[in-house]
């Protein structure tokens, strides 16, 4: 979104379907953005220079977009792009963590490309030391439930 922009959820009691609008924090003016209009966007900062926005997290993701610090769109993944938009669980220092039906993955935050097409887990929280994620499945035939984990586990962060 950028350092001086905010994504505003426009849902109200009288307008439950709502919508969204990107606003310039300095001027208060509306900014043209692909995020405008559609309700259900969530945003995550990588704690450096990237913002990742996803539409309808945990309800079948429709789109994922990456923005730089200036608020310029860097990439997008939609059903129309030929890729399955992942459900985003966390971002940290240029990495975007998430999952699809094929399992957990890591995207490059600047390009949207797969950084690791397969990874051990889709963490919910990441820092320089640990990633907190769904606990491993209890049997090899099962897979972890990323959207509503039955337990959490800490994993060392690796680069």
C-alpha atoms as a PDB file:
ATOM      1  CA  UNK A   1       0.000   0.000   0.000  1.00  0.00           C
ATOM      2  CA  UNK A   2       2.837   2.372   0.717  1.00  0.00           C
ATOM      3  CA  UNK A   3       3.941   4.346   3.721  1.00  0.00           C
ATOM      4  CA  UNK A   4       1.239   7.025   3.408  1.00  0.00           C
ATOM      5  CA  UNK A   5      -1.711   4.925   2.233  1.00  0.00           C
ATOM      6  CA  UNK A   6      -4.326   2.918   4.071  1.00  0.00           C
ATOM      7  CA  UNK A   7      -6.940   0.429   2.960  1.00  0.00           C
ATOM      8  CA  UNK A   8     -10.298   1.299   4.529  1.00  0.00           C
ATOM      9  CA  UNK A   9     -13.075  -1.258   5.011  1.00  0.00           C
ATOM     10  CA  UNK A  10     -16.358   0.484   4.160  1.00  0.00           C
ATOM     11  CA  UNK A  11     -18.728  -1.939   5.919  1.00  0.00           C
ATOM     12  CA  UNK A  12     -21.271  -0.293   8.194  1.00  0.00           C
ATOM     13  CA  UNK A  13     -24.450  -1.425   9.946  1.00  0.00           C
ATOM     14  CA  UNK A  14     -26.539   0.114   7.167  1.00  0.00           C
ATOM     15  CA  UNK A  15     -24.223  -1.216   4.424  1.00  0.00           C
ATOM     16  CA  UNK A  16     -23.062  -4.696   5.541  1.00  0.00           C
ATOM     17  CA  UNK A  17     -21.712  -5.669   2.105  1.00  0.00           C
ATOM     18  CA  UNK A  18     -19.422  -2.660   2.370  1.00  0.00           C
ATOM     19  CA  UNK A  19     -16.508  -2.291   0.044  1.00  0.00           C
ATOM     20  CA  UNK A  20     -13.003  -0.899   0.293  1.00  0.00           C
ATOM     21  CA  UNK A  21     -11.132   2.267  -0.580  1.00  0.00           C
ATOM     22  CA  UNK A  22      -7.464   3.224  -0.544  1.00  0.00           C
ATOM     23  CA  UNK A  23      -6.943   6.620   1.114  1.00  0.00           C
ATOM     24  CA  UNK A  24      -3.882   8.908   1.152  1.00  0.00           C
ATOM     25  CA  UNK A  25      -3.171   9.521   4.847  1.00  0.00           C
ATOM     26  CA  UNK A  26      -1.614  12.937   4.231  1.00  0.00           C
ATOM     27  CA  UNK A  27      -4.308  14.472   2.028  1.00  0.00           C
ATOM     28  CA  UNK A  28      -7.304  12.318   2.964  1.00  0.00           C
ATOM     29  CA  UNK A  29      -8.056  11.852  -0.727  1.00  0.00           C
ATOM     30  CA  UNK A  30      -9.181   8.623  -2.331  1.00  0.00           C
ATOM     31  CA  UNK A  31      -6.506   6.929  -4.445  1.00  0.00           C
ATOM     32  CA  UNK A  32      -7.209   4.852  -7.531  1.00  0.00           C
ATOM     33  CA  UNK A  33      -6.295   1.242  -6.712  1.00  0.00           C
ATOM     34  CA  UNK A  34      -7.228  -2.282  -7.819  1.00  0.00           C
ATOM     35  CA  UNK A  35      -8.268  -2.829  -4.187  1.00  0.00           C
ATOM     36  CA  UNK A  36     -11.094  -0.278  -4.366  1.00  0.00           C
ATOM     37  CA  UNK A  37     -14.698  -1.401  -4.284  1.00  0.00           C
ATOM     38  CA  UNK A  38     -14.431  -5.081  -3.439  1.00  0.00           C
ATOM     39  CA  UNK A  39     -15.030  -5.963   0.241  1.00  0.00           C
ATOM     40  CA  UNK A  40     -12.965  -8.636   1.971  1.00  0.00           C
ATOM     41  CA  UNK A  41      -9.367  -7.519   1.400  1.00  0.00           C
ATOM     42  CA  UNK A  42      -6.775  -8.188   4.066  1.00  0.00           C
ATOM     43  CA  UNK A  43      -3.274  -6.729   4.126  1.00  0.00           C
ATOM     44  CA  UNK A  44       0.023  -7.819   5.593  1.00  0.00           C
ATOM     45  CA  UNK A  45       3.294  -5.928   5.794  1.00  0.00           C
ATOM     46  CA  UNK A  46       6.599  -7.785   5.477  1.00  0.00           C
ATOM     47  CA  UNK A  47       8.032  -5.360   8.099  1.00  0.00           C
ATOM     48  CA  UNK A  48      10.375  -3.861   5.495  1.00  0.00           C
ATOM     49  CA  UNK A  49       9.050  -2.474   2.235  1.00  0.00           C
ATOM     50  CA  UNK A  50       6.311  -4.732   0.888  1.00  0.00           C
ATOM     51  CA  UNK A  51       2.573  -4.999   1.460  1.00  0.00           C
ATOM     52  CA  UNK A  52       0.686  -8.094   0.404  1.00  0.00           C
ATOM     53  CA  UNK A  53      -3.087  -7.905  -0.017  1.00  0.00           C
ATOM     54  CA  UNK A  54      -5.379 -10.874  -0.427  1.00  0.00           C
ATOM     55  CA  UNK A  55      -9.077 -11.047  -1.179  1.00  0.00           C
ATOM     56  CA  UNK A  56     -11.283 -13.345   0.944  1.00  0.00           C
ATOM     57  CA  UNK A  57      -8.648 -15.035   3.103  1.00  0.00           C
ATOM     58  CA  UNK A  58      -9.684 -18.424   4.536  1.00  0.00           C
ATOM     59  CA  UNK A  59     -12.770 -18.474   2.309  1.00  0.00           C
ATOM     60  CA  UNK A  60     -11.229 -19.458  -0.999  1.00  0.00           C
ATOM     61  CA  UNK A  61      -8.770 -16.777  -2.049  1.00  0.00           C
ATOM     62  CA  UNK A  62      -9.719 -14.914  -5.231  1.00  0.00           C
ATOM     63  CA  UNK A  63      -6.646 -12.690  -5.652  1.00  0.00           C
ATOM     64  CA  UNK A  64      -3.282 -11.844  -4.118  1.00  0.00           C
ATOM     65  CA  UNK A  65      -1.446  -8.593  -4.950  1.00  0.00           C
ATOM     66  CA  UNK A  66       2.004  -7.324  -3.973  1.00  0.00           C
ATOM     67  CA  UNK A  67       2.797  -3.618  -3.520  1.00  0.00           C
ATOM     68  CA  UNK A  68       6.062  -1.749  -2.922  1.00  0.00           C
ATOM     69  CA  UNK A  69       6.627   1.029  -0.390  1.00  0.00           C
ATOM     70  CA  UNK A  70       5.400   3.676  -2.846  1.00  0.00           C
ATOM     71  CA  UNK A  71       2.112   1.786  -3.244  1.00  0.00           C
ATOM     72  CA  UNK A  72       2.859   0.620  -6.782  1.00  0.00           C
ATOM     73  CA  UNK A  73       1.561  -2.812  -7.719  1.00  0.00           C
ATOM     74  CA  UNK A  74       4.441  -5.246  -8.273  1.00  0.00           C
ATOM     75  CA  UNK A  75       2.498  -8.406  -9.135  1.00  0.00           C
ATOM     76  CA  UNK A  76      -0.839 -10.166  -8.859  1.00  0.00           C
ATOM     77  CA  UNK A  77      -2.106 -13.722  -8.799  1.00  0.00           C
ATOM     78  CA  UNK A  78      -5.730 -14.309  -9.796  1.00  0.00           C
ATOM     79  CA  UNK A  79      -7.662 -17.268 -11.153  1.00  0.00           C
ATOM     80  CA  UNK A  80      -7.428 -15.560 -14.577  1.00  0.00           C
ATOM     81  CA  UNK A  81      -3.607 -15.527 -14.381  1.00  0.00           C
ATOM     82  CA  UNK A  82      -3.360 -19.292 -14.735  1.00  0.00           C
ATOM     83  CA  UNK A  83      -2.174 -19.772 -11.149  1.00  0.00           C
ATOM     84  CA  UNK A  84      -4.112 -20.725  -8.068  1.00  0.00           C
ATOM     85  CA  UNK A  85      -4.140 -17.755  -5.673  1.00  0.00           C
ATOM     86  CA  UNK A  86      -2.743 -19.000  -2.365  1.00  0.00           C
ATOM     87  CA  UNK A  87      -4.279 -18.245   0.987  1.00  0.00           C
ATOM     88  CA  UNK A  88      -1.703 -15.964   2.635  1.00  0.00           C
ATOM     89  CA  UNK A  89      -0.862 -16.746   6.257  1.00  0.00           C
ATOM     90  CA  UNK A  90       2.145 -14.469   6.944  1.00  0.00           C
ATOM     91  CA  UNK A  91       4.784 -12.214   5.390  1.00  0.00           C
ATOM     92  CA  UNK A  92       8.295 -11.486   6.587  1.00  0.00           C
ATOM     93  CA  UNK A  93      11.245  -9.647   5.007  1.00  0.00           C
ATOM     94  CA  UNK A  94      10.460 -10.337   1.362  1.00  0.00           C
ATOM     95  CA  UNK A  95       8.840 -13.726   1.843  1.00  0.00           C
ATOM     96  CA  UNK A  96       5.130 -14.441   1.485  1.00  0.00           C
ATOM     97  CA  UNK A  97       3.915 -17.593   3.238  1.00  0.00           C
ATOM     98  CA  UNK A  98       0.707 -19.402   2.399  1.00  0.00           C
ATOM     99  CA  UNK A  99      -0.898 -22.521   1.039  1.00  0.00           C
ATOM    100  CA  UNK A 100      -3.100 -23.961  -1.688  1.00  0.00           C
ATOM    101  CA  UNK A 101      -4.772 -27.364  -1.901  1.00  0.00           C
ATOM    102  CA  UNK A 102      -1.347 -28.658  -3.032  1.00  0.00           C
ATOM    103  CA  UNK A 103       0.184 -27.659   0.318  1.00  0.00           C
ATOM    104  CA  UNK A 104       2.260 -24.858   1.853  1.00  0.00           C
ATOM    105  CA  UNK A 105       4.459 -22.564  -0.236  1.00  0.00           C
ATOM    106  CA  UNK A 106       6.676 -19.493  -0.065  1.00  0.00           C
ATOM    107  CA  UNK A 107       6.464 -16.687  -2.641  1.00  0.00           C
ATOM    108  CA  UNK A 108       9.043 -14.031  -3.424  1.00  0.00           C
ATOM    109  CA  UNK A 109       7.445 -10.822  -2.174  1.00  0.00           C
ATOM    110  CA  UNK A 110       8.927  -8.656  -4.964  1.00  0.00           C
ATOM    111  CA  UNK A 111       7.927 -10.893  -7.905  1.00  0.00           C
ATOM    112  CA  UNK A 112       5.129 -13.182  -6.709  1.00  0.00           C
ATOM    113  CA  UNK A 113       7.093 -16.142  -8.079  1.00  0.00           C
ATOM    114  CA  UNK A 114       7.460 -19.354  -6.120  1.00  0.00           C
ATOM    115  CA  UNK A 115      10.472 -19.046  -3.864  1.00  0.00           C
ATOM    116  CA  UNK A 116       9.878 -22.526  -2.516  1.00  0.00           C
ATOM    117  CA  UNK A 117       7.230 -24.537  -4.346  1.00  0.00           C
ATOM    118  CA  UNK A 118       7.045 -26.838  -1.357  1.00  0.00           C
ATOM    119  CA  UNK A 119       7.802 -26.150   2.273  1.00  0.00           C
ATOM    120  CA  UNK A 120       7.172 -27.795   5.620  1.00  0.00           C
ATOM    121  CA  UNK A 121       4.405 -25.479   6.811  1.00  0.00           C
ATOM    122  CA  UNK A 122       2.469 -22.254   6.240  1.00  0.00           C
ATOM    123  CA  UNK A 123       3.314 -20.154   9.321  1.00  0.00           C
ATOM    124  CA  UNK A 124       0.841 -17.786  10.920  1.00  0.00           C
ATOM    125  CA  UNK A 125       3.557 -15.650  12.524  1.00  0.00           C
ATOM    126  CA  UNK A 126       7.218 -15.237  11.536  1.00  0.00           C
ATOM    127  CA  UNK A 127      10.210 -13.351  12.919  1.00  0.00           C
ATOM    128  CA  UNK A 128      13.973 -13.693  12.594  1.00  0.00           C
ATOM    129  CA  UNK A 129      14.073 -16.614  15.036  1.00  0.00           C
ATOM    130  CA  UNK A 130      10.900 -18.711  14.757  1.00  0.00           C
ATOM    131  CA  UNK A 131       7.823 -19.380  12.696  1.00  0.00           C
ATOM    132  CA  UNK A 132       4.614 -20.294  14.529  1.00  0.00           C
ATOM    133  CA  UNK A 133       2.492 -22.653  12.446  1.00  0.00           C
ATOM    134  CA  UNK A 134      -0.111 -25.393  12.557  1.00  0.00           C
ATOM    135  CA  UNK A 135       1.065 -28.399  14.516  1.00  0.00           C
ATOM    136  CA  UNK A 136       2.071 -31.384  12.393  1.00  0.00           C
ATOM    137  CA  UNK A 137      -0.604 -33.927  11.531  1.00  0.00           C
ATOM    138  CA  UNK A 138      -0.915 -36.810  13.964  1.00  0.00           C
ATOM    139  CA  UNK A 139      -0.600 -39.471  11.243  1.00  0.00           C
ATOM    140  CA  UNK A 140       1.252 -39.500   7.904  1.00  0.00           C
ATOM    141  CA  UNK A 141      -2.058 -39.803   6.015  1.00  0.00           C
ATOM    142  CA  UNK A 142      -3.318 -36.490   7.420  1.00  0.00           C
ATOM    143  CA  UNK A 143      -2.227 -32.991   6.576  1.00  0.00           C
ATOM    144  CA  UNK A 144      -2.221 -29.983   8.919  1.00  0.00           C
ATOM    145  CA  UNK A 145      -5.249 -27.712   8.952  1.00  0.00           C
ATOM    146  CA  UNK A 146      -3.759 -24.291   8.176  1.00  0.00           C
ATOM    147  CA  UNK A 147      -6.911 -22.181   8.403  1.00  0.00           C
ATOM    148  CA  UNK A 148      -8.047 -23.550  11.780  1.00  0.00           C
ATOM    149  CA  UNK A 149      -5.158 -25.459  13.361  1.00  0.00           C
ATOM    150  CA  UNK A 150      -5.891 -27.810  16.250  1.00  0.00           C
ATOM    151  CA  UNK A 151      -2.555 -26.855  17.775  1.00  0.00           C
ATOM    152  CA  UNK A 152       0.483 -24.692  17.095  1.00  0.00           C
ATOM    153  CA  UNK A 153       4.176 -25.475  16.841  1.00  0.00           C
ATOM    154  CA  UNK A 154       7.335 -23.341  16.631  1.00  0.00           C
ATOM    155  CA  UNK A 155       9.853 -23.978  13.861  1.00  0.00           C
ATOM    156  CA  UNK A 156      13.286 -22.336  13.522  1.00  0.00           C
ATOM    157  CA  UNK A 157      13.341 -19.700  10.794  1.00  0.00           C
ATOM    158  CA  UNK A 158      15.708 -20.483   7.929  1.00  0.00           C
ATOM    159  CA  UNK A 159      16.636 -18.418   4.910  1.00  0.00           C
END
